[in-house]
Protein backbone atom coordinates (compact mmCIF):
# COMPACT_ATOMS: atom_id res chain seq x y z
CA MET A 1 14.12 -0.59 9.51
CA HIS A 2 13.06 2.59 7.73
CA THR A 3 9.90 4.51 8.61
CA TYR A 4 8.32 6.93 6.16
CA GLU A 5 5.52 9.44 6.50
CA ILE A 6 2.97 9.85 3.74
CA SER A 7 0.13 12.37 3.41
CA THR A 8 -2.96 11.50 1.43
CA ARG A 9 -5.43 13.97 -0.05
CA GLN A 10 -8.52 11.86 -0.65
CA ARG A 11 -10.66 9.38 1.26
CA ASP A 12 -9.65 6.58 -1.12
CA GLN A 13 -6.26 6.90 -2.76
CA MET A 14 -3.46 4.65 -4.00
CA VAL A 15 -0.07 6.36 -3.80
CA GLU A 16 2.78 4.68 -5.63
CA ILE A 17 5.80 4.24 -3.33
CA THR A 18 7.96 2.01 -5.56
CA ARG A 19 10.78 4.57 -5.91
CA THR A 20 10.92 5.13 -2.17
CA VAL A 21 11.15 1.39 -1.54
CA GLN A 22 13.80 0.90 -4.24
CA GLN A 23 15.84 3.78 -2.80
CA ALA A 24 15.75 2.13 0.65
CA VAL A 25 17.01 -1.10 -0.92
CA GLN A 26 19.85 0.70 -2.70
CA GLU A 27 20.86 2.58 0.45
CA SER A 28 20.94 -0.69 2.39
CA GLY A 29 23.53 -2.17 0.07
CA VAL A 30 21.73 -5.53 0.13
CA GLN A 31 22.22 -7.37 -3.16
CA GLU A 32 20.16 -10.51 -2.48
CA GLY A 33 17.32 -10.82 0.02
CA MET A 34 13.83 -9.63 0.80
CA CYS A 35 12.11 -6.31 1.31
CA ILE A 36 9.02 -6.12 3.47
CA VAL A 37 6.76 -3.08 3.21
CA TYR A 38 4.37 -2.83 6.16
CA CYS A 39 1.45 -0.52 6.99
CA PRO A 40 0.58 -0.21 10.73
CA HIS A 41 -2.94 1.13 10.18
CA THR A 42 -6.35 -0.57 10.23
CA THR A 43 -7.85 1.53 7.44
CA ALA A 44 -4.95 1.49 4.98
CA GLY A 45 -2.84 -1.16 3.29
CA ILE A 46 0.01 -2.04 0.93
CA ALA A 47 -0.58 -3.48 -2.55
CA ILE A 48 1.39 -4.48 -5.61
CA ASN A 49 -0.37 -3.84 -8.88
CA GLU A 50 -0.04 -2.31 -12.33
CA ASN A 51 1.67 1.07 -12.42
CA ALA A 52 1.64 1.76 -16.18
CA ASP A 53 -2.01 2.70 -16.73
CA PRO A 54 -3.56 5.12 -14.18
CA ASP A 55 -7.00 3.82 -15.12
CA VAL A 56 -6.20 0.60 -13.25
CA VAL A 57 -5.92 2.48 -9.94
CA ARG A 58 -9.15 4.36 -10.65
CA ASP A 59 -10.93 1.12 -11.57
CA VAL A 60 -9.65 -0.72 -8.49
CA LEU A 61 -10.81 2.05 -6.16
CA ARG A 62 -14.20 2.24 -7.90
CA ARG A 63 -14.72 -1.52 -7.67
CA LEU A 64 -13.73 -1.58 -3.99
CA ASP A 65 -16.35 1.12 -3.41
CA GLU A 66 -18.91 -1.10 -5.15
CA LEU A 67 -17.98 -4.05 -2.92
CA TYR A 68 -17.74 -2.00 0.27
CA PRO A 69 -19.96 1.10 0.04
CA TRP A 70 -19.07 3.86 2.49
CA GLU A 71 -22.55 4.01 3.97
CA HIS A 72 -24.42 0.85 4.78
CA GLN A 73 -27.60 0.74 6.85
CA LEU A 74 -26.44 -2.24 8.94
CA ASP A 75 -22.98 -0.94 9.92
CA ARG A 76 -22.67 -0.38 13.66
CA HIS A 77 -19.07 0.84 14.00
CA ALA A 78 -19.28 4.21 15.77
CA GLU A 79 -16.65 5.91 13.61
CA GLY A 80 -18.66 5.16 10.46
CA ASN A 81 -15.64 3.85 8.54
CA THR A 82 -16.42 0.13 8.32
CA ALA A 83 -15.88 0.25 4.55
CA ALA A 84 -12.31 1.46 5.11
CA HIS A 85 -11.62 -1.42 7.49
CA LEU A 86 -12.99 -3.95 4.99
CA LYS A 87 -10.93 -2.51 2.13
CA ALA A 88 -7.79 -2.66 4.28
CA ILE A 89 -8.51 -6.29 5.16
CA GLN A 90 -8.95 -7.04 1.45
CA THR A 91 -5.68 -5.31 0.51
CA GLY A 92 -3.57 -6.53 3.42
CA THR A 93 -1.07 -4.78 5.64
CA SER A 94 2.17 -5.81 3.94
CA GLN A 95 3.93 -7.02 0.83
CA THR A 96 7.21 -8.88 0.50
CA VAL A 97 9.37 -8.34 -2.58
CA LEU A 98 12.49 -10.29 -3.43
CA ILE A 99 15.74 -8.39 -3.98
CA GLU A 100 18.08 -9.53 -6.73
CA ARG A 101 21.27 -7.72 -7.75
CA GLY A 102 20.31 -4.80 -5.49
CA ARG A 103 16.95 -4.26 -7.19
CA LEU A 104 13.37 -5.08 -6.32
CA LEU A 105 12.27 -8.12 -8.31
CA LEU A 106 9.05 -6.63 -9.69
CA GLY A 107 7.34 -7.47 -12.96
CA THR A 108 7.41 -5.08 -15.90
CA TRP A 109 4.09 -3.46 -15.00
CA GLN A 110 4.22 -3.81 -11.20
CA GLY A 111 4.43 -1.02 -8.68
CA ILE A 112 4.07 -0.85 -4.89
CA TYR A 113 1.22 1.24 -3.53
CA PHE A 114 0.23 2.70 -0.18
CA CYS A 115 -3.55 2.34 -0.19
CA GLU A 116 -5.52 4.91 1.80
CA TYR A 117 -9.14 4.11 2.57
CA ASP A 118 -10.00 6.65 5.29
CA GLY A 119 -8.25 9.86 4.29
CA PRO A 120 -7.11 12.40 3.94
CA ARG A 121 -4.55 11.62 6.63
CA THR A 122 -0.89 11.60 7.47
CA ARG A 123 0.23 7.99 7.79
CA THR A 124 3.38 5.95 8.16
CA PHE A 125 4.74 2.82 6.54
CA HIS A 126 7.79 0.74 7.33
CA ILE A 127 10.40 -0.93 5.15
CA LYS A 128 12.48 -3.82 6.47
CA ILE A 129 15.28 -5.17 4.29
CA ILE A 130 16.65 -8.63 5.02
CA SER A 131 19.86 -9.91 3.45
CA GLY A 132 20.21 -13.48 2.33
């Protein structure tokens, strides 16, 4: 398993980590199998989405803010970051990508993102590569 540290600069931010994940796959030497990318945080997540148009990331973050506004009069969580928890639940903590011929089997427009919802922070994510 590989563990990586990532620093975010904004409260809500999607950082593309596709190259890092692909590099881990190449270094593993696995030609056929699965790659699991996991986030061990309750206010961050891992997503696969379009990486060609940066407006998609901006739109996704804006729409998540509309669904889960940062301040809500009924929130009781003492830290005041209920919206971040809800966004992380929506995104999920991990993604699994197939490996074929030593490469991540991603679509033409797909990229892997670390999704920060309570930054800026220094976080970690894990990559587990399974042969077979």
